[in-house]
C-alpha cells in the first residue's frame, strides 16, 4: 500500500469505526511486512503452530508471475462480484489500475485486467 495511513483512515470510515491517530499509526506499523513476519516467528517460537514459508515480501504487479490467464479471469470475475458495490481502484503495477466497475474480461481474452491510467 503506497499510503497506509490514508488507507487505514478510509477503511475505518467505511466500517464506521472511530479511530485515533495513535491507533492508525499502530495499525500501520503492525501491517509492515517485517513486523508481521516477526510476530509470526515469535508465535511459532512460543509454541504456536504454523509455517512461515507462505510469507513473502510481495511487489505490486508480481501477481502476473503467479497467475495463469484462466486463473486471472476467474479471480477477476470473483473479485468483481464481491466488490461490485464498492468504489475502489487497485494498483496492479506498472502504473496501471483495476476497478470492479471498469473490469472487462471476455471470452478468449488473454489479459484478465483492462488497464486504466488514473
N, C-alpha and C. Protein backbone atom coordinates (compact mmCIF):
# COMPACT_ATOMS: atom_id res chain seq x y z
N UNK A 1 0.85 -1.17 0.00
CA UNK A 1 0.00 0.00 0.00
C UNK A 1 0.89 1.23 0.00
N UNK A 2 0.67 2.10 -0.95
CA UNK A 2 1.51 3.29 -1.07
C UNK A 2 1.29 4.28 0.06
N UNK A 3 0.08 4.40 0.54
CA UNK A 3 -0.26 5.39 1.57
C UNK A 3 -1.05 4.71 2.68
N UNK A 4 -0.36 3.98 3.58
CA UNK A 4 -1.07 3.18 4.58
C UNK A 4 -1.93 4.00 5.54
N UNK A 5 -1.45 5.14 5.97
CA UNK A 5 -2.22 5.95 6.93
C UNK A 5 -3.56 6.36 6.32
N UNK A 6 -3.51 6.87 5.09
CA UNK A 6 -4.74 7.29 4.42
C UNK A 6 -5.66 6.10 4.16
N UNK A 7 -5.07 4.97 3.80
CA UNK A 7 -5.88 3.77 3.54
C UNK A 7 -6.57 3.28 4.81
N UNK A 8 -5.87 3.30 5.92
CA UNK A 8 -6.45 2.87 7.20
C UNK A 8 -7.59 3.80 7.60
N UNK A 9 -7.41 5.09 7.40
CA UNK A 9 -8.47 6.05 7.70
C UNK A 9 -9.71 5.77 6.85
N UNK A 10 -9.52 5.50 5.57
CA UNK A 10 -10.65 5.21 4.68
C UNK A 10 -11.38 3.93 5.10
N UNK A 11 -10.61 2.91 5.47
CA UNK A 11 -11.23 1.65 5.91
C UNK A 11 -12.02 1.89 7.19
N UNK A 12 -11.42 2.61 8.13
CA UNK A 12 -12.11 2.88 9.40
C UNK A 12 -13.41 3.65 9.15
N UNK A 13 -13.35 4.62 8.26
CA UNK A 13 -14.56 5.39 7.94
C UNK A 13 -15.60 4.48 7.29
N UNK A 14 -15.16 3.64 6.37
CA UNK A 14 -16.08 2.75 5.65
C UNK A 14 -16.80 1.80 6.61
N UNK A 15 -16.07 1.27 7.59
CA UNK A 15 -16.69 0.33 8.53
C UNK A 15 -17.23 1.05 9.78
N UNK A 16 -17.21 2.37 9.72
CA UNK A 16 -17.78 3.22 10.78
C UNK A 16 -17.16 2.97 12.14
N UNK A 17 -15.85 3.02 12.17
CA UNK A 17 -15.11 2.86 13.43
C UNK A 17 -14.35 4.16 13.70
N UNK A 18 -14.56 4.71 14.87
CA UNK A 18 -13.82 5.90 15.28
C UNK A 18 -12.42 5.47 15.70
N UNK A 19 -11.41 6.14 15.17
CA UNK A 19 -10.03 5.79 15.48
C UNK A 19 -9.25 7.05 15.82
N UNK A 20 -8.25 6.85 16.66
CA UNK A 20 -7.34 7.95 16.99
C UNK A 20 -6.14 7.87 16.06
N UNK A 21 -5.41 8.95 15.97
CA UNK A 21 -4.19 8.97 15.15
C UNK A 21 -3.20 7.93 15.67
N UNK A 22 -3.15 7.79 17.00
CA UNK A 22 -2.25 6.82 17.60
C UNK A 22 -2.59 5.39 17.15
N UNK A 23 -3.88 5.06 17.16
CA UNK A 23 -4.30 3.72 16.73
C UNK A 23 -3.98 3.51 15.25
N UNK A 24 -4.24 4.51 14.44
CA UNK A 24 -3.94 4.40 13.00
C UNK A 24 -2.46 4.12 12.79
N UNK A 25 -1.60 4.82 13.52
CA UNK A 25 -0.15 4.62 13.39
C UNK A 25 0.26 3.23 13.86
N UNK A 26 -0.37 2.73 14.94
CA UNK A 26 -0.06 1.37 15.42
C UNK A 26 -0.49 0.32 14.42
N UNK A 27 -1.65 0.50 13.82
CA UNK A 27 -2.12 -0.44 12.80
C UNK A 27 -1.18 -0.43 11.59
N UNK A 28 -0.78 0.77 11.16
CA UNK A 28 0.14 0.87 10.02
C UNK A 28 1.46 0.17 10.32
N UNK A 29 1.99 0.38 11.53
CA UNK A 29 3.25 -0.26 11.91
C UNK A 29 3.08 -1.78 11.98
N UNK A 30 1.95 -2.22 12.53
CA UNK A 30 1.69 -3.66 12.66
C UNK A 30 1.52 -4.36 11.34
N UNK A 31 1.17 -3.62 10.31
CA UNK A 31 0.95 -4.21 8.99
C UNK A 31 2.21 -4.26 8.12
N UNK A 32 3.29 -3.65 8.58
CA UNK A 32 4.53 -3.71 7.80
C UNK A 32 5.03 -5.15 7.75
N UNK A 33 5.52 -5.54 6.59
CA UNK A 33 5.92 -6.93 6.39
C UNK A 33 6.86 -7.43 7.47
N UNK A 34 7.90 -6.69 7.78
CA UNK A 34 8.87 -7.14 8.77
C UNK A 34 8.22 -7.39 10.13
N UNK A 35 7.25 -6.55 10.49
CA UNK A 35 6.56 -6.73 11.78
C UNK A 35 5.62 -7.93 11.76
N UNK A 36 4.95 -8.15 10.64
CA UNK A 36 4.07 -9.32 10.51
C UNK A 36 4.91 -10.60 10.59
N UNK A 37 6.04 -10.61 9.90
CA UNK A 37 6.90 -11.79 9.90
C UNK A 37 7.45 -12.04 11.31
N UNK A 38 7.89 -10.98 11.98
CA UNK A 38 8.43 -11.15 13.34
C UNK A 38 7.36 -11.68 14.28
N UNK A 39 6.14 -11.16 14.18
CA UNK A 39 5.05 -11.64 15.05
C UNK A 39 4.77 -13.11 14.79
N UNK A 40 4.81 -13.53 13.53
CA UNK A 40 4.60 -14.95 13.21
C UNK A 40 5.74 -15.80 13.74
N UNK A 41 6.97 -15.32 13.60
CA UNK A 41 8.13 -16.05 14.13
C UNK A 41 8.03 -16.18 15.64
N UNK A 42 7.65 -15.09 16.31
CA UNK A 42 7.52 -15.11 17.77
C UNK A 42 6.43 -16.09 18.22
N UNK A 43 5.32 -16.12 17.49
CA UNK A 43 4.23 -17.02 17.84
C UNK A 43 4.67 -18.48 17.71
N UNK A 44 5.40 -18.79 16.66
CA UNK A 44 5.88 -20.16 16.46
C UNK A 44 6.92 -20.51 17.52
N UNK A 45 7.80 -19.56 17.83
CA UNK A 45 8.82 -19.80 18.85
C UNK A 45 8.19 -20.02 20.23
N UNK A 46 7.01 -19.46 20.44
CA UNK A 46 6.31 -19.60 21.72
C UNK A 46 5.43 -20.84 21.76
N UNK A 47 5.57 -21.72 20.77
CA UNK A 47 4.82 -22.96 20.77
C UNK A 47 3.62 -22.98 19.84
N UNK A 48 3.39 -21.89 19.14
CA UNK A 48 2.28 -21.86 18.20
C UNK A 48 2.57 -22.72 16.98
N UNK A 49 1.53 -23.12 16.30
CA UNK A 49 1.70 -23.92 15.10
C UNK A 49 1.68 -23.00 13.89
N UNK A 50 2.41 -23.38 12.89
CA UNK A 50 2.41 -22.59 11.67
C UNK A 50 3.62 -22.85 10.83
N UNK A 51 3.64 -22.18 9.72
CA UNK A 51 4.71 -22.33 8.74
C UNK A 51 4.93 -20.96 8.11
N UNK A 52 6.14 -20.51 8.08
CA UNK A 52 6.44 -19.19 7.54
C UNK A 52 6.72 -19.20 6.04
N UNK A 53 6.67 -20.36 5.42
CA UNK A 53 7.05 -20.45 4.02
C UNK A 53 6.12 -19.65 3.10
N UNK A 54 4.90 -19.38 3.55
CA UNK A 54 3.96 -18.64 2.70
C UNK A 54 4.16 -17.12 2.79
N UNK A 55 4.95 -16.67 3.76
CA UNK A 55 5.20 -15.24 3.89
C UNK A 55 6.29 -14.82 2.92
N UNK A 56 5.97 -13.85 2.11
CA UNK A 56 6.97 -13.29 1.21
C UNK A 56 6.65 -11.83 1.01
N UNK A 57 7.67 -11.07 0.75
CA UNK A 57 7.50 -9.64 0.51
C UNK A 57 7.01 -9.48 -0.93
N UNK A 58 5.75 -9.16 -1.07
CA UNK A 58 5.16 -9.01 -2.39
C UNK A 58 5.49 -7.66 -3.01
N UNK A 59 5.37 -7.61 -4.30
CA UNK A 59 5.56 -6.37 -5.02
C UNK A 59 4.30 -6.14 -5.86
N UNK A 60 3.93 -4.89 -6.00
CA UNK A 60 2.78 -4.57 -6.83
C UNK A 60 3.04 -5.08 -8.24
N UNK A 61 2.10 -5.85 -8.76
CA UNK A 61 2.22 -6.38 -10.11
C UNK A 61 2.86 -7.75 -10.19
N UNK A 62 3.43 -8.24 -9.08
CA UNK A 62 4.09 -9.55 -9.10
C UNK A 62 3.10 -10.69 -9.30
N UNK A 63 1.82 -10.42 -9.07
CA UNK A 63 0.80 -11.44 -9.27
C UNK A 63 0.86 -12.00 -10.69
N UNK A 64 1.31 -11.18 -11.64
CA UNK A 64 1.39 -11.64 -13.04
C UNK A 64 2.30 -12.88 -13.16
N UNK A 65 3.26 -13.01 -12.26
CA UNK A 65 4.18 -14.15 -12.30
C UNK A 65 3.60 -15.41 -11.68
N UNK A 66 2.43 -15.31 -11.07
CA UNK A 66 1.86 -16.44 -10.34
C UNK A 66 0.49 -16.88 -10.83
N UNK A 67 -0.16 -16.08 -11.65
CA UNK A 67 -1.50 -16.40 -12.15
C UNK A 67 -1.43 -16.76 -13.63
N UNK A 68 -2.03 -17.88 -13.99
CA UNK A 68 -2.20 -18.21 -15.40
C UNK A 68 -3.34 -17.33 -15.93
N UNK A 69 -3.47 -17.23 -17.24
CA UNK A 69 -4.55 -16.41 -17.80
C UNK A 69 -5.94 -16.90 -17.37
N UNK A 70 -6.22 -18.21 -17.39
CA UNK A 70 -7.53 -18.65 -16.91
C UNK A 70 -7.76 -18.31 -15.43
N UNK A 71 -6.72 -18.45 -14.61
CA UNK A 71 -6.86 -18.12 -13.20
C UNK A 71 -7.09 -16.61 -13.02
N UNK A 72 -6.42 -15.80 -13.83
CA UNK A 72 -6.63 -14.36 -13.77
C UNK A 72 -8.09 -14.02 -14.05
N UNK A 73 -8.66 -14.61 -15.09
CA UNK A 73 -10.06 -14.34 -15.44
C UNK A 73 -10.99 -14.78 -14.30
N UNK A 74 -10.74 -15.96 -13.74
CA UNK A 74 -11.57 -16.46 -12.65
C UNK A 74 -11.48 -15.54 -11.43
N UNK A 75 -10.26 -15.13 -11.10
CA UNK A 75 -10.05 -14.25 -9.96
C UNK A 75 -10.75 -12.91 -10.16
N UNK A 76 -10.60 -12.33 -11.35
CA UNK A 76 -11.23 -11.05 -11.62
C UNK A 76 -12.75 -11.15 -11.54
N UNK A 77 -13.30 -12.23 -12.07
CA UNK A 77 -14.75 -12.40 -12.04
C UNK A 77 -15.24 -12.46 -10.59
N UNK A 78 -14.59 -13.24 -9.77
CA UNK A 78 -14.99 -13.36 -8.36
C UNK A 78 -14.80 -12.04 -7.63
N UNK A 79 -13.66 -11.39 -7.83
CA UNK A 79 -13.38 -10.13 -7.17
C UNK A 79 -14.39 -9.06 -7.60
N UNK A 80 -14.70 -9.02 -8.88
CA UNK A 80 -15.69 -8.05 -9.37
C UNK A 80 -17.04 -8.27 -8.72
N UNK A 81 -17.42 -9.53 -8.57
CA UNK A 81 -18.70 -9.84 -7.93
C UNK A 81 -18.69 -9.42 -6.47
N UNK A 82 -17.62 -9.75 -5.76
CA UNK A 82 -17.55 -9.43 -4.33
C UNK A 82 -17.48 -7.92 -4.07
N UNK A 83 -16.89 -7.17 -4.99
CA UNK A 83 -16.69 -5.73 -4.78
C UNK A 83 -17.59 -4.87 -5.66
N UNK A 84 -18.64 -5.46 -6.20
CA UNK A 84 -19.47 -4.75 -7.17
C UNK A 84 -20.06 -3.45 -6.65
N UNK A 85 -20.28 -3.32 -5.37
CA UNK A 85 -20.89 -2.12 -4.80
C UNK A 85 -19.87 -1.21 -4.13
N UNK A 86 -18.61 -1.50 -4.29
CA UNK A 86 -17.57 -0.72 -3.62
C UNK A 86 -16.79 0.07 -4.66
N UNK A 87 -16.67 1.35 -4.44
CA UNK A 87 -15.93 2.21 -5.37
C UNK A 87 -14.45 2.20 -4.97
N UNK A 88 -13.70 1.30 -5.57
CA UNK A 88 -12.28 1.17 -5.26
C UNK A 88 -11.49 1.07 -6.55
N UNK A 89 -10.22 1.34 -6.44
CA UNK A 89 -9.30 1.05 -7.54
C UNK A 89 -8.03 0.51 -6.91
N UNK A 90 -7.43 -0.45 -7.59
CA UNK A 90 -6.23 -1.09 -7.10
C UNK A 90 -5.10 -0.90 -8.08
N UNK A 91 -3.93 -0.61 -7.54
CA UNK A 91 -2.73 -0.58 -8.38
C UNK A 91 -2.38 -2.02 -8.72
N UNK A 92 -2.22 -2.30 -10.01
CA UNK A 92 -1.83 -3.65 -10.44
C UNK A 92 -0.41 -3.65 -10.99
N UNK A 93 0.32 -2.59 -10.71
CA UNK A 93 1.72 -2.50 -11.11
C UNK A 93 1.89 -1.79 -12.43
N UNK A 94 3.09 -1.35 -12.65
CA UNK A 94 3.47 -0.69 -13.89
C UNK A 94 2.59 0.51 -14.21
N UNK A 95 2.11 1.21 -13.17
CA UNK A 95 1.29 2.40 -13.35
C UNK A 95 -0.14 2.14 -13.76
N UNK A 96 -0.57 0.88 -13.73
CA UNK A 96 -1.92 0.53 -14.14
C UNK A 96 -2.80 0.27 -12.92
N UNK A 97 -4.11 0.48 -13.10
CA UNK A 97 -5.07 0.29 -12.03
C UNK A 97 -6.23 -0.55 -12.52
N UNK A 98 -6.89 -1.22 -11.58
CA UNK A 98 -8.06 -2.05 -11.87
C UNK A 98 -9.17 -1.65 -10.91
N UNK A 99 -10.38 -1.62 -11.39
CA UNK A 99 -11.53 -1.44 -10.51
C UNK A 99 -12.65 -2.34 -11.00
N UNK A 100 -13.50 -2.83 -10.09
CA UNK A 100 -14.55 -3.76 -10.50
C UNK A 100 -15.52 -3.14 -11.50
N UNK A 101 -15.76 -1.85 -11.40
CA UNK A 101 -16.71 -1.21 -12.31
C UNK A 101 -16.13 -1.03 -13.71
N UNK A 102 -14.83 -1.16 -13.87
CA UNK A 102 -14.20 -0.98 -15.17
C UNK A 102 -13.60 -2.27 -15.71
N UNK A 103 -13.92 -3.35 -15.06
CA UNK A 103 -13.34 -4.64 -15.41
C UNK A 103 -14.02 -5.22 -16.65
N UNK A 104 -13.22 -5.70 -17.57
CA UNK A 104 -13.78 -6.35 -18.75
C UNK A 104 -12.91 -7.56 -19.08
N UNK A 105 -13.50 -8.72 -19.04
CA UNK A 105 -12.84 -9.95 -19.47
C UNK A 105 -13.83 -10.72 -20.31
N UNK A 106 -13.58 -10.81 -21.57
CA UNK A 106 -14.48 -11.53 -22.44
C UNK A 106 -13.90 -12.87 -22.84
N UNK A 107 -14.71 -13.70 -23.50
CA UNK A 107 -14.24 -15.00 -23.94
C UNK A 107 -13.01 -14.85 -24.85
N UNK A 108 -12.01 -15.64 -24.57
CA UNK A 108 -10.82 -15.67 -25.39
C UNK A 108 -9.83 -14.56 -25.13
N UNK A 109 -10.14 -13.67 -24.21
CA UNK A 109 -9.18 -12.62 -23.91
C UNK A 109 -7.98 -13.20 -23.18
N UNK A 110 -6.81 -12.78 -23.56
CA UNK A 110 -5.60 -13.28 -22.92
C UNK A 110 -5.32 -12.54 -21.62
N UNK A 111 -5.71 -11.30 -21.55
CA UNK A 111 -5.39 -10.48 -20.38
C UNK A 111 -6.63 -10.33 -19.53
N UNK A 112 -6.45 -10.60 -18.26
CA UNK A 112 -7.57 -10.54 -17.31
C UNK A 112 -8.02 -9.12 -17.07
N UNK A 113 -7.09 -8.22 -16.92
CA UNK A 113 -7.42 -6.89 -16.41
C UNK A 113 -7.29 -5.87 -17.52
N UNK A 114 -8.33 -5.08 -17.69
CA UNK A 114 -8.21 -3.93 -18.58
C UNK A 114 -7.46 -2.87 -17.81
N UNK A 115 -6.46 -2.32 -18.42
CA UNK A 115 -5.61 -1.35 -17.74
C UNK A 115 -6.21 0.04 -17.88
N UNK A 116 -6.15 0.77 -16.77
CA UNK A 116 -6.63 2.15 -16.75
C UNK A 116 -5.55 3.00 -16.12
N UNK A 117 -5.23 4.07 -16.76
CA UNK A 117 -4.32 5.05 -16.17
C UNK A 117 -5.17 6.10 -15.50
N UNK A 118 -4.94 6.33 -14.21
CA UNK A 118 -5.72 7.34 -13.48
C UNK A 118 -4.85 8.53 -13.21
